[in-house]
Every structure is written in structure tokens, then in C-alpha cells.
Amino acid sequence: MKITVDIDCTPEEARHFFGLPDVKPMQDALMQQIQDRMSANLQAMEPEAMLKTWLPASLQGFEQMQKIFWNQMTNAMGKDGKK
């Protein structure tokens, strides 16, 4: 035996029926805070700001990688350039 019950009500009516609190004001406040934080972080993602923060570190890392490769090549070739 199978019984199906369809209830047609809004979410607000269902919350009130089950005795759940209305969280809409709290949700609106949290969404506003999230929106403010996201808009502040978007300003930090401007291309100029990203290049200023990433470029020096990546150039330094590239120079270090070149030095490591150069040292390995010179060590493999020997000190006088002959094997």
C-alpha cells in the first residue's frame, strides 16, 4: 500500500508550520557582507596589482632555476669545460 500526499505551500508557510525561525534578515545581512568582501577583493585582482605582486617573485624564481641548471651543466662538463 502506497500513500502519496502533496502539499502546496510556500517556504515561509512551511517554516511557520514546523515552527522554524525566519532567517531572512540574517541571510540578507550575511549576503551583504559577502558582497562587500568580494567587491573589495576584486579591486586587488586588477592586472597591475597582480603583476606587481607576482612578477618579482616569479623573476627571482626563474633566475634561481637558471643558476641551478647552469651549475648542473658546468658540473656535468667538468670544471675546465672538458669531460
PDB file of N, CA and C in Angstrom:
ATOM      1  N   MET A   1       0.842  -1.162   0.000  1.00  0.00           N
ATOM      2  CA  MET A   1       0.000   0.000   0.000  1.00  0.00           C
ATOM      3  C   MET A   1       0.893   1.232   0.000  1.00  0.00           C
ATOM      4  N   LYS A   2       0.581   2.153  -0.882  1.00  0.00           N
ATOM      5  CA  LYS A   2       1.394   3.352  -1.012  1.00  0.00           C
ATOM      6  C   LYS A   2       0.471   4.558  -0.946  1.00  0.00           C
ATOM      7  N   ILE A   3       0.830   5.510  -0.079  1.00  0.00           N
ATOM      8  CA  ILE A   3       0.031   6.726   0.078  1.00  0.00           C
ATOM      9  C   ILE A   3       0.918   7.914  -0.299  1.00  0.00           C
ATOM     10  N   THR A   4       0.400   8.782  -1.127  1.00  0.00           N
ATOM     11  CA  THR A   4       1.116   9.975  -1.537  1.00  0.00           C
ATOM     12  C   THR A   4       0.329  11.196  -1.105  1.00  0.00           C
ATOM     13  N   VAL A   5       1.021  12.132  -0.464  1.00  0.00           N
ATOM     14  CA  VAL A   5       0.381  13.371  -0.023  1.00  0.00           C
ATOM     15  C   VAL A   5       1.132  14.523  -0.664  1.00  0.00           C
ATOM     16  N   ASP A   6       0.437  15.351  -1.389  1.00  0.00           N
ATOM     17  CA  ASP A   6       1.029  16.545  -1.990  1.00  0.00           C
ATOM     18  C   ASP A   6       0.574  17.766  -1.208  1.00  0.00           C
ATOM     19  N   ILE A   7       1.530  18.575  -0.767  1.00  0.00           N
ATOM     20  CA  ILE A   7       1.224  19.779  -0.012  1.00  0.00           C
ATOM     21  C   ILE A   7       1.697  20.966  -0.839  1.00  0.00           C
ATOM     22  N   ASP A   8       0.825  21.904  -1.076  1.00  0.00           N
ATOM     23  CA  ASP A   8       1.148  23.088  -1.852  1.00  0.00           C
ATOM     24  C   ASP A   8       1.220  24.282  -0.902  1.00  0.00           C
ATOM     25  N   CYS A   9       2.447  24.687  -0.579  1.00  0.00           N
ATOM     26  CA  CYS A   9       2.618  25.840   0.299  1.00  0.00           C
ATOM     27  C   CYS A   9       3.938  26.523  -0.031  1.00  0.00           C
ATOM     28  N   THR A  10       4.072  27.739   0.439  1.00  0.00           N
ATOM     29  CA  THR A  10       5.312  28.492   0.210  1.00  0.00           C
ATOM     30  C   THR A  10       6.343  28.086   1.259  1.00  0.00           C
ATOM     31  N   PRO A  11       7.615  28.391   1.030  1.00  0.00           N
ATOM     32  CA  PRO A  11       8.632  28.083   2.053  1.00  0.00           C
ATOM     33  C   PRO A  11       8.359  28.774   3.382  1.00  0.00           C
ATOM     34  N   GLU A  12       7.838  29.996   3.329  1.00  0.00           N
ATOM     35  CA  GLU A  12       7.523  30.704   4.578  1.00  0.00           C
ATOM     36  C   GLU A  12       6.431  29.983   5.362  1.00  0.00           C
ATOM     37  N   GLU A  13       5.419  29.508   4.646  1.00  0.00           N
ATOM     38  CA  GLU A  13       4.332  28.775   5.296  1.00  0.00           C
ATOM     39  C   GLU A  13       4.839  27.467   5.889  1.00  0.00           C
ATOM     40  N   ALA A  14       5.731  26.778   5.206  1.00  0.00           N
ATOM     41  CA  ALA A  14       6.276  25.520   5.725  1.00  0.00           C
ATOM     42  C   ALA A  14       7.119  25.769   6.974  1.00  0.00           C
ATOM     43  N   ARG A  15       7.940  26.828   6.954  1.00  0.00           N
ATOM     44  CA  ARG A  15       8.737  27.153   8.147  1.00  0.00           C
ATOM     45  C   ARG A  15       7.836  27.470   9.329  1.00  0.00           C
ATOM     46  N   HIS A  16       6.793  28.249   9.076  1.00  0.00           N
ATOM     47  CA  HIS A  16       5.873  28.603  10.160  1.00  0.00           C
ATOM     48  C   HIS A  16       5.149  27.364  10.686  1.00  0.00           C
ATOM     49  N   PHE A  17       4.751  26.470   9.804  1.00  0.00           N
ATOM     50  CA  PHE A  17       4.055  25.247  10.208  1.00  0.00           C
ATOM     51  C   PHE A  17       4.933  24.369  11.096  1.00  0.00           C
ATOM     52  N   PHE A  18       6.232  24.236  10.728  1.00  0.00           N
ATOM     53  CA  PHE A  18       7.146  23.404  11.516  1.00  0.00           C
ATOM     54  C   PHE A  18       7.764  24.138  12.687  1.00  0.00           C
ATOM     55  N   GLY A  19       7.476  25.436  12.837  1.00  0.00           N
ATOM     56  CA  GLY A  19       7.984  26.200  13.967  1.00  0.00           C
ATOM     57  C   GLY A  19       9.424  26.639  13.811  1.00  0.00           C
ATOM     58  N   LEU A  20       9.904  26.713  12.584  1.00  0.00           N
ATOM     59  CA  LEU A  20      11.275  27.144  12.346  1.00  0.00           C
ATOM     60  C   LEU A  20      11.347  28.666  12.297  1.00  0.00           C
ATOM     61  N   PRO A  21      12.477  29.231  12.711  1.00  0.00           N
ATOM     62  CA  PRO A  21      12.587  30.697  12.727  1.00  0.00           C
ATOM     63  C   PRO A  21      12.738  31.263  11.317  1.00  0.00           C
ATOM     64  N   ASP A  22      12.404  32.539  11.165  1.00  0.00           N
ATOM     65  CA  ASP A  22      12.584  33.242   9.902  1.00  0.00           C
ATOM     66  C   ASP A  22      14.024  33.758   9.862  1.00  0.00           C
ATOM     67  N   VAL A  23      14.838  33.220   8.964  1.00  0.00           N
ATOM     68  CA  VAL A  23      16.253  33.575   8.894  1.00  0.00           C
ATOM     69  C   VAL A  23      16.540  34.588   7.775  1.00  0.00           C
ATOM     70  N   LYS A  24      15.511  35.123   7.159  1.00  0.00           N
ATOM     71  CA  LYS A  24      15.694  36.047   6.040  1.00  0.00           C
ATOM     72  C   LYS A  24      16.506  37.283   6.432  1.00  0.00           C
ATOM     73  N   PRO A  25      16.237  37.964   7.561  1.00  0.00           N
ATOM     74  CA  PRO A  25      17.050  39.143   7.907  1.00  0.00           C
ATOM     75  C   PRO A  25      18.534  38.802   8.114  1.00  0.00           C
ATOM     76  N   MET A  26      18.813  37.677   8.770  1.00  0.00           N
ATOM     77  CA  MET A  26      20.197  37.269   8.988  1.00  0.00           C
ATOM     78  C   MET A  26      20.863  36.909   7.663  1.00  0.00           C
ATOM     79  N   GLN A  27      20.135  36.218   6.805  1.00  0.00           N
ATOM     80  CA  GLN A  27      20.667  35.835   5.499  1.00  0.00           C
ATOM     81  C   GLN A  27      20.966  37.071   4.652  1.00  0.00           C
ATOM     82  N   ASP A  28      20.081  38.071   4.690  1.00  0.00           N
ATOM     83  CA  ASP A  28      20.318  39.310   3.935  1.00  0.00           C
ATOM     84  C   ASP A  28      21.566  40.033   4.429  1.00  0.00           C
ATOM     85  N   ALA A  29      21.761  40.078   5.757  1.00  0.00           N
ATOM     86  CA  ALA A  29      22.935  40.740   6.319  1.00  0.00           C
ATOM     87  C   ALA A  29      24.220  40.018   5.918  1.00  0.00           C
ATOM     88  N   LEU A  30      24.207  38.683   5.985  1.00  0.00           N
ATOM     89  CA  LEU A  30      25.391  37.909   5.607  1.00  0.00           C
ATOM     90  C   LEU A  30      25.699  38.050   4.115  1.00  0.00           C
ATOM     91  N   MET A  31      24.666  38.058   3.295  1.00  0.00           N
ATOM     92  CA  MET A  31      24.884  38.217   1.859  1.00  0.00           C
ATOM     93  C   MET A  31      25.473  39.596   1.538  1.00  0.00           C
ATOM     94  N   GLN A  32      25.060  40.619   2.270  1.00  0.00           N
ATOM     95  CA  GLN A  32      25.618  41.956   2.062  1.00  0.00           C
ATOM     96  C   GLN A  32      27.099  41.978   2.446  1.00  0.00           C
ATOM     97  N   GLN A  33      27.456  41.320   3.556  1.00  0.00           N
ATOM     98  CA  GLN A  33      28.861  41.251   3.964  1.00  0.00           C
ATOM     99  C   GLN A  33      29.690  40.509   2.927  1.00  0.00           C
ATOM    100  N   ILE A  34      29.173  39.406   2.420  1.00  0.00           N
ATOM    101  CA  ILE A  34      29.894  38.640   1.400  1.00  0.00           C
ATOM    102  C   ILE A  34      30.086  39.476   0.141  1.00  0.00           C
ATOM    103  N   GLN A  35      29.040  40.186  -0.253  1.00  0.00           N
ATOM    104  CA  GLN A  35      29.134  41.028  -1.446  1.00  0.00           C
ATOM    105  C   GLN A  35      30.166  42.135  -1.256  1.00  0.00           C
ATOM    106  N   ASP A  36      30.215  42.743  -0.073  1.00  0.00           N
ATOM    107  CA  ASP A  36      31.201  43.790   0.201  1.00  0.00           C
ATOM    108  C   ASP A  36      32.620  43.241   0.143  1.00  0.00           C
ATOM    109  N   ARG A  37      32.826  42.062   0.726  1.00  0.00           N
ATOM    110  CA  ARG A  37      34.161  41.455   0.708  1.00  0.00           C
ATOM    111  C   ARG A  37      34.593  41.084  -0.709  1.00  0.00           C
ATOM    112  N   MET A  38      33.665  40.550  -1.491  1.00  0.00           N
ATOM    113  CA  MET A  38      34.004  40.167  -2.856  1.00  0.00           C
ATOM    114  C   MET A  38      34.345  41.384  -3.706  1.00  0.00           C
ATOM    115  N   SER A  39      33.604  42.465  -3.540  1.00  0.00           N
ATOM    116  CA  SER A  39      33.905  43.667  -4.329  1.00  0.00           C
ATOM    117  C   SER A  39      35.238  44.266  -3.897  1.00  0.00           C
ATOM    118  N   ALA A  40      35.590  44.176  -2.618  1.00  0.00           N
ATOM    119  CA  ALA A  40      36.892  44.669  -2.165  1.00  0.00           C
ATOM    120  C   ALA A  40      38.018  43.807  -2.722  1.00  0.00           C
ATOM    121  N   ASN A  41      37.814  42.495  -2.802  1.00  0.00           N
ATOM    122  CA  ASN A  41      38.842  41.600  -3.325  1.00  0.00           C
ATOM    123  C   ASN A  41      38.987  41.722  -4.837  1.00  0.00           C
ATOM    124  N   LEU A  42      37.930  42.098  -5.520  1.00  0.00           N
ATOM    125  CA  LEU A  42      38.021  42.272  -6.973  1.00  0.00           C
ATOM    126  C   LEU A  42      38.954  43.419  -7.332  1.00  0.00           C
ATOM    127  N   GLN A  43      39.008  44.429  -6.482  1.00  0.00           N
ATOM    128  CA  GLN A  43      39.925  45.542  -6.732  1.00  0.00           C
ATOM    129  C   GLN A  43      41.371  45.081  -6.652  1.00  0.00           C
ATOM    130  N   ALA A  44      41.650  44.098  -5.816  1.00  0.00           N
ATOM    131  CA  ALA A  44      43.012  43.563  -5.696  1.00  0.00           C
ATOM    132  C   ALA A  44      43.375  42.696  -6.890  1.00  0.00           C
ATOM    133  N   MET A  45      42.391  42.307  -7.701  1.00  0.00           N
ATOM    134  CA  MET A  45      42.665  41.441  -8.832  1.00  0.00           C
ATOM    135  C   MET A  45      42.849  42.225 -10.132  1.00  0.00           C
ATOM    136  N   GLU A  46      43.101  43.522 -10.016  1.00  0.00           N
ATOM    137  CA  GLU A  46      43.381  44.312 -11.206  1.00  0.00           C
ATOM    138  C   GLU A  46      44.710  43.848 -11.797  1.00  0.00           C
ATOM    139  N   PRO A  47      44.858  43.884 -13.103  1.00  0.00           N
ATOM    140  CA  PRO A  47      46.083  43.383 -13.733  1.00  0.00           C
ATOM    141  C   PRO A  47      47.358  44.034 -13.206  1.00  0.00           C
ATOM    142  N   GLU A  48      47.346  45.332 -12.976  1.00  0.00           N
ATOM    143  CA  GLU A  48      48.558  45.997 -12.475  1.00  0.00           C
ATOM    144  C   GLU A  48      48.944  45.482 -11.092  1.00  0.00           C
ATOM    145  N   ALA A  49      47.952  45.360 -10.214  1.00  0.00           N
ATOM    146  CA  ALA A  49      48.237  44.881  -8.857  1.00  0.00           C
ATOM    147  C   ALA A  49      48.739  43.443  -8.880  1.00  0.00           C
ATOM    148  N   MET A  50      48.164  42.621  -9.755  1.00  0.00           N
ATOM    149  CA  MET A  50      48.608  41.226  -9.841  1.00  0.00           C
ATOM    150  C   MET A  50      50.037  41.143 -10.359  1.00  0.00           C
ATOM    151  N   LEU A  51      50.377  41.935 -11.353  1.00  0.00           N
ATOM    152  CA  LEU A  51      51.744  41.907 -11.876  1.00  0.00           C
ATOM    153  C   LEU A  51      52.745  42.384 -10.841  1.00  0.00           C
ATOM    154  N   LYS A  52      52.383  43.408 -10.081  1.00  0.00           N
ATOM    155  CA  LYS A  52      53.300  43.918  -9.063  1.00  0.00           C
ATOM    156  C   LYS A  52      53.580  42.886  -7.988  1.00  0.00           C
ATOM    157  N   THR A  53      52.567  42.072  -7.645  1.00  0.00           N
ATOM    158  CA  THR A  53      52.791  41.080  -6.589  1.00  0.00           C
ATOM    159  C   THR A  53      53.433  39.805  -7.120  1.00  0.00           C
ATOM    160  N   TRP A  54      53.137  39.409  -8.357  1.00  0.00           N
ATOM    161  CA  TRP A  54      53.632  38.131  -8.881  1.00  0.00           C
ATOM    162  C   TRP A  54      54.948  38.242  -9.607  1.00  0.00           C
ATOM    163  N   LEU A  55      55.176  39.332 -10.315  1.00  0.00           N
ATOM    164  CA  LEU A  55      56.335  39.425 -11.192  1.00  0.00           C
ATOM    165  C   LEU A  55      57.664  39.340 -10.449  1.00  0.00           C
ATOM    166  N   PRO A  56      57.869  40.081  -9.378  1.00  0.00           N
ATOM    167  CA  PRO A  56      59.175  39.967  -8.708  1.00  0.00           C
ATOM    168  C   PRO A  56      59.466  38.557  -8.210  1.00  0.00           C
ATOM    169  N   ALA A  57      58.489  37.887  -7.659  1.00  0.00           N
ATOM    170  CA  ALA A  57      58.714  36.539  -7.138  1.00  0.00           C
ATOM    171  C   ALA A  57      58.996  35.563  -8.271  1.00  0.00           C
ATOM    172  N   SER A  58      58.278  35.679  -9.363  1.00  0.00           N
ATOM    173  CA  SER A  58      58.487  34.733 -10.449  1.00  0.00           C
ATOM    174  C   SER A  58      59.814  34.987 -11.152  1.00  0.00           C
ATOM    175  N   LEU A  59      60.226  36.242 -11.267  1.00  0.00           N
ATOM    176  CA  LEU A  59      61.528  36.526 -11.873  1.00  0.00           C
ATOM    177  C   LEU A  59      62.662  35.997 -11.004  1.00  0.00           C
ATOM    178  N   GLN A  60      62.524  36.164  -9.708  1.00  0.00           N
ATOM    179  CA  GLN A  60      63.548  35.653  -8.802  1.00  0.00           C
ATOM    180  C   GLN A  60      63.615  34.133  -8.892  1.00  0.00           C
ATOM    181  N   GLY A  61      62.473  33.475  -8.951  1.00  0.00           N
ATOM    182  CA  GLY A  61      62.451  32.021  -9.075  1.00  0.00           C
ATOM    183  C   GLY A  61      63.046  31.558 -10.390  1.00  0.00           C
ATOM    184  N   PHE A  62      62.793  32.309 -11.475  1.00  0.00           N
ATOM    185  CA  PHE A  62      63.356  31.960 -12.772  1.00  0.00           C
ATOM    186  C   PHE A  62      64.879  32.098 -12.752  1.00  0.00           C
ATOM    187  N   GLU A  63      65.392  33.160 -12.105  1.00  0.00           N
ATOM    188  CA  GLU A  63      66.839  33.337 -12.001  1.00  0.00           C
ATOM    189  C   GLU A  63      67.469  32.206 -11.197  1.00  0.00           C
ATOM    190  N   GLN A  64      66.821  31.791 -10.132  1.00  0.00           N
ATOM    191  CA  GLN A  64      67.345  30.684  -9.326  1.00  0.00           C
ATOM    192  C   GLN A  64      67.354  29.391 -10.145  1.00  0.00           C
ATOM    193  N   MET A  65      66.314  29.161 -10.921  1.00  0.00           N
ATOM    194  CA  MET A  65      66.265  27.971 -11.748  1.00  0.00           C
ATOM    195  C   MET A  65      67.381  27.998 -12.792  1.00  0.00           C
ATOM    196  N   GLN A  66      67.671  29.157 -13.383  1.00  0.00           N
ATOM    197  CA  GLN A  66      68.757  29.278 -14.346  1.00  0.00           C
ATOM    198  C   GLN A  66      70.098  28.958 -13.690  1.00  0.00           C
ATOM    199  N   LYS A  67      70.298  29.461 -12.481  1.00  0.00           N
ATOM    200  CA  LYS A  67      71.557  29.199 -11.774  1.00  0.00           C
ATOM    201  C   LYS A  67      71.728  27.714 -11.493  1.00  0.00           C
ATOM    202  N   ILE A  68      70.638  27.060 -11.097  1.00  0.00           N
ATOM    203  CA  ILE A  68      70.709  25.622 -10.816  1.00  0.00           C
ATOM    204  C   ILE A  68      71.067  24.857 -12.075  1.00  0.00           C
ATOM    205  N   PHE A  69      70.382  25.174 -13.197  1.00  0.00           N
ATOM    206  CA  PHE A  69      70.699  24.499 -14.458  1.00  0.00           C
ATOM    207  C   PHE A  69      72.140  24.765 -14.881  1.00  0.00           C
ATOM    208  N   TRP A  70      72.584  25.987 -14.755  1.00  0.00           N
ATOM    209  CA  TRP A  70      73.945  26.348 -15.146  1.00  0.00           C
ATOM    210  C   TRP A  70      74.972  25.587 -14.308  1.00  0.00           C
ATOM    211  N   ASN A  71      74.724  25.507 -12.985  1.00  0.00           N
ATOM    212  CA  ASN A  71      75.637  24.771 -12.108  1.00  0.00           C
ATOM    213  C   ASN A  71      75.665  23.279 -12.456  1.00  0.00           C
ATOM    214  N   GLN A  72      74.509  22.700 -12.768  1.00  0.00           N
ATOM    215  CA  GLN A  72      74.473  21.294 -13.138  1.00  0.00           C
ATOM    216  C   GLN A  72      75.215  21.045 -14.449  1.00  0.00           C
ATOM    217  N   MET A  73      75.050  21.960 -15.400  1.00  0.00           N
ATOM    218  CA  MET A  73      75.734  21.802 -16.686  1.00  0.00           C
ATOM    219  C   MET A  73      77.248  21.918 -16.520  1.00  0.00           C
ATOM    220  N   THR A  74      77.686  22.878 -15.716  1.00  0.00           N
ATOM    221  CA  THR A  74      79.131  23.036 -15.531  1.00  0.00           C
ATOM    222  C   THR A  74      79.709  21.854 -14.757  1.00  0.00           C
ATOM    223  N   ASN A  75      78.968  21.333 -13.799  1.00  0.00           N
ATOM    224  CA  ASN A  75      79.441  20.167 -13.053  1.00  0.00           C
ATOM    225  C   ASN A  75      79.484  18.933 -13.945  1.00  0.00           C
ATOM    226  N   ALA A  76      78.513  18.794 -14.847  1.00  0.00           N
ATOM    227  CA  ALA A  76      78.494  17.651 -15.747  1.00  0.00           C
ATOM    228  C   ALA A  76      79.639  17.727 -16.767  1.00  0.00           C
ATOM    229  N   MET A  77      79.955  18.914 -17.211  1.00  0.00           N
ATOM    230  CA  MET A  77      81.001  19.120 -18.198  1.00  0.00           C
ATOM    231  C   MET A  77      82.399  19.076 -17.555  1.00  0.00           C
ATOM    232  N   GLY A  78      82.462  19.292 -16.284  1.00  0.00           N
ATOM    233  CA  GLY A  78      83.756  19.362 -15.609  1.00  0.00           C
ATOM    234  C   GLY A  78      84.141  20.809 -15.427  1.00  0.00           C
ATOM    235  N   LYS A  79      85.098  21.063 -14.589  1.00  0.00           N
ATOM    236  CA  LYS A  79      85.493  22.431 -14.269  1.00  0.00           C
ATOM    237  C   LYS A  79      86.153  23.151 -15.433  1.00  0.00           C
ATOM    238  N   ASP A  80      86.921  22.440 -16.257  1.00  0.00           N
ATOM    239  CA  ASP A  80      87.637  23.097 -17.360  1.00  0.00           C
ATOM    240  C   ASP A  80      86.875  23.069 -18.671  1.00  0.00           C
ATOM    241  N   GLY A  81      85.644  22.576 -18.680  1.00  0.00           N
ATOM    242  CA  GLY A  81      84.839  22.552 -19.895  1.00  0.00           C
ATOM    243  C   GLY A  81      85.028  21.281 -20.700  1.00  0.00           C
ATOM    244  N   LYS A  82      85.922  20.374 -20.269  1.00  0.00           N
ATOM    245  CA  LYS A  82      86.136  19.091 -20.977  1.00  0.00           C
ATOM    246  C   LYS A  82      85.638  17.962 -20.103  1.00  0.00           C
ATOM    247  N   LYS A  83      85.181  16.950 -20.752  1.00  0.00           N
ATOM    248  CA  LYS A  83      84.707  15.795 -19.994  1.00  0.00           C
ATOM    249  C   LYS A  83      85.786  14.754 -19.858  1.00  0.00           C
TER     250      LYS A  83
END
